[in-house]
Structures are given as C-alpha cells and as structure tokens.
Amino acid sequence: MAKVAPFHSKLPGTDVYHDDDICTVGDDRIESYHRVPGTGGLRKCSRCRDLSG
C-alpha cells in the first residue's frame, strides 16, 4: 500500500478524493495541474478504499 496525502481534482463534476498512488483512477486520470490537496469534503474513491484493505 502506497499512501499519499489526500488529493482531488478541481474539475467540475469531481465527487471523490484519492489517497493511494497505486490507484489508477486518481493517479493516471488527474493531471498534476488539476490536483488539489485535501479531501475537499468528498467521499473516498472506491479503488483507494479497496487498496487500503
């Protein structure tokens, strides 16, 4: 498990945050210039949740 500080996308329609750099949903699909630190009050990504056990 490779935990990272929580982040989310600043793009409209974002509904989850990520906290695992192995998560391909967050790591591969969110460009670095769209990343915002923190949870943003959003729910955790289901892939990140699965990775955390």
N, C-alpha and C. Protein backbone atom coordinates (compact mmCIF):
# COMPACT_ATOMS: atom_id res chain seq x y z
N MET A 1 0.85 -1.18 0.00
CA MET A 1 0.00 0.00 0.00
C MET A 1 0.89 1.23 0.00
N ALA A 2 0.62 2.16 -0.90
CA ALA A 2 1.41 3.37 -1.02
C ALA A 2 0.52 4.58 -0.74
N LYS A 3 0.38 4.88 0.52
CA LYS A 3 -0.46 6.02 0.91
C LYS A 3 0.22 7.33 0.56
N VAL A 4 -0.59 8.28 0.13
CA VAL A 4 -0.13 9.64 -0.14
C VAL A 4 -1.11 10.60 0.53
N ALA A 5 -0.73 11.85 0.61
CA ALA A 5 -1.64 12.85 1.17
C ALA A 5 -2.89 12.91 0.28
N PRO A 6 -4.07 13.01 0.87
CA PRO A 6 -5.30 13.05 0.08
C PRO A 6 -5.27 14.19 -0.95
N PHE A 7 -5.86 13.91 -2.11
CA PHE A 7 -5.99 14.92 -3.16
C PHE A 7 -7.25 14.64 -3.96
N HIS A 8 -7.72 15.67 -4.66
CA HIS A 8 -8.86 15.53 -5.54
C HIS A 8 -8.66 16.44 -6.74
N SER A 9 -9.54 16.32 -7.71
CA SER A 9 -9.46 17.15 -8.90
C SER A 9 -10.28 18.42 -8.70
N LYS A 10 -9.79 19.51 -9.28
CA LYS A 10 -10.56 20.77 -9.20
C LYS A 10 -11.54 20.90 -10.35
N LEU A 11 -11.61 19.90 -11.22
CA LEU A 11 -12.54 19.95 -12.35
C LEU A 11 -13.98 19.77 -11.88
N PRO A 12 -14.92 20.45 -12.53
CA PRO A 12 -16.33 20.28 -12.18
C PRO A 12 -16.74 18.82 -12.33
N GLY A 13 -17.62 18.37 -11.46
CA GLY A 13 -18.11 17.01 -11.51
C GLY A 13 -17.31 16.03 -10.67
N THR A 14 -16.25 16.51 -10.04
CA THR A 14 -15.45 15.64 -9.17
C THR A 14 -16.27 15.25 -7.96
N ASP A 15 -16.31 13.95 -7.64
CA ASP A 15 -17.10 13.53 -6.49
C ASP A 15 -16.35 12.64 -5.52
N VAL A 16 -15.04 12.42 -5.75
CA VAL A 16 -14.25 11.59 -4.85
C VAL A 16 -12.85 12.18 -4.65
N TYR A 17 -12.21 11.77 -3.57
CA TYR A 17 -10.81 12.10 -3.35
C TYR A 17 -10.00 10.81 -3.37
N HIS A 18 -8.69 10.93 -3.48
CA HIS A 18 -7.78 9.79 -3.57
C HIS A 18 -6.70 9.92 -2.51
N ASP A 19 -6.17 8.77 -2.05
CA ASP A 19 -5.07 8.81 -1.07
C ASP A 19 -4.12 7.63 -1.23
N ASP A 20 -4.09 7.05 -2.43
CA ASP A 20 -3.19 5.93 -2.70
C ASP A 20 -2.60 6.12 -4.09
N ASP A 21 -1.28 6.15 -4.20
CA ASP A 21 -0.68 6.41 -5.51
C ASP A 21 -0.70 5.20 -6.44
N ILE A 22 -1.18 4.06 -5.96
CA ILE A 22 -1.36 2.90 -6.82
C ILE A 22 -2.72 2.96 -7.52
N CYS A 23 -3.61 3.77 -7.03
CA CYS A 23 -4.94 3.92 -7.60
C CYS A 23 -4.83 4.49 -9.01
N THR A 24 -5.22 3.71 -10.01
CA THR A 24 -5.12 4.17 -11.39
C THR A 24 -6.19 5.19 -11.73
N VAL A 25 -7.26 5.24 -10.97
CA VAL A 25 -8.30 6.24 -11.22
C VAL A 25 -7.76 7.64 -10.92
N GLY A 26 -7.14 7.80 -9.77
CA GLY A 26 -6.62 9.11 -9.40
C GLY A 26 -5.28 9.43 -10.01
N ASP A 27 -4.37 8.49 -9.97
CA ASP A 27 -3.00 8.74 -10.41
C ASP A 27 -2.90 8.95 -11.92
N ASP A 28 -3.61 8.16 -12.69
CA ASP A 28 -3.49 8.23 -14.15
C ASP A 28 -4.43 9.23 -14.80
N ARG A 29 -5.53 9.52 -14.17
CA ARG A 29 -6.56 10.34 -14.83
C ARG A 29 -6.61 11.80 -14.40
N ILE A 30 -5.91 12.15 -13.34
CA ILE A 30 -5.92 13.54 -12.88
C ILE A 30 -4.56 14.16 -13.18
N GLU A 31 -4.54 15.10 -14.09
CA GLU A 31 -3.30 15.80 -14.43
C GLU A 31 -2.82 16.58 -13.21
N SER A 32 -1.52 16.71 -13.07
CA SER A 32 -0.95 17.37 -11.89
C SER A 32 -1.47 18.80 -11.71
N TYR A 33 -1.74 19.51 -12.79
CA TYR A 33 -2.21 20.89 -12.67
C TYR A 33 -3.69 20.98 -12.29
N HIS A 34 -4.39 19.84 -12.25
CA HIS A 34 -5.78 19.81 -11.79
C HIS A 34 -5.90 19.27 -10.36
N ARG A 35 -4.78 18.83 -9.78
CA ARG A 35 -4.82 18.27 -8.43
C ARG A 35 -4.89 19.35 -7.37
N VAL A 36 -5.71 19.09 -6.37
CA VAL A 36 -5.86 19.98 -5.23
C VAL A 36 -5.63 19.14 -3.97
N PRO A 37 -4.81 19.63 -3.04
CA PRO A 37 -4.60 18.87 -1.80
C PRO A 37 -5.86 18.79 -0.96
N GLY A 38 -5.99 17.70 -0.24
CA GLY A 38 -7.10 17.52 0.70
C GLY A 38 -8.24 16.71 0.13
N THR A 39 -9.22 16.47 0.98
CA THR A 39 -10.37 15.66 0.59
C THR A 39 -11.46 16.47 -0.09
N GLY A 40 -11.46 17.76 0.13
CA GLY A 40 -12.49 18.61 -0.46
C GLY A 40 -13.89 18.30 0.04
N GLY A 41 -13.98 17.58 1.16
CA GLY A 41 -15.29 17.20 1.68
C GLY A 41 -15.96 16.10 0.86
N LEU A 42 -15.17 15.44 0.01
CA LEU A 42 -15.70 14.41 -0.87
C LEU A 42 -15.53 13.03 -0.24
N ARG A 43 -16.22 12.05 -0.80
CA ARG A 43 -16.07 10.67 -0.32
C ARG A 43 -14.80 10.07 -0.92
N LYS A 44 -14.29 9.04 -0.28
CA LYS A 44 -13.07 8.37 -0.74
C LYS A 44 -13.36 7.53 -1.98
N CYS A 45 -12.46 7.56 -2.92
CA CYS A 45 -12.55 6.76 -4.13
C CYS A 45 -12.68 5.28 -3.77
N SER A 46 -13.55 4.56 -4.46
CA SER A 46 -13.77 3.15 -4.15
C SER A 46 -12.51 2.32 -4.40
N ARG A 47 -11.72 2.67 -5.39
CA ARG A 47 -10.46 1.95 -5.66
C ARG A 47 -9.46 2.18 -4.53
N CYS A 48 -9.33 3.42 -4.07
CA CYS A 48 -8.44 3.71 -2.93
C CYS A 48 -8.92 2.97 -1.69
N ARG A 49 -10.23 2.92 -1.51
CA ARG A 49 -10.80 2.21 -0.35
C ARG A 49 -10.46 0.72 -0.42
N ASP A 50 -10.58 0.12 -1.61
CA ASP A 50 -10.25 -1.29 -1.80
C ASP A 50 -8.76 -1.54 -1.54
N LEU A 51 -7.91 -0.64 -1.99
CA LEU A 51 -6.47 -0.80 -1.82
C LEU A 51 -6.06 -0.71 -0.35
N SER A 52 -6.81 0.04 0.44
CA SER A 52 -6.44 0.20 1.85
C SER A 52 -6.91 -0.96 2.70
N GLY A 53 -7.59 -1.89 2.08
CA GLY A 53 -7.95 -3.13 2.79
C GLY A 53 -9.22 -3.06 3.48
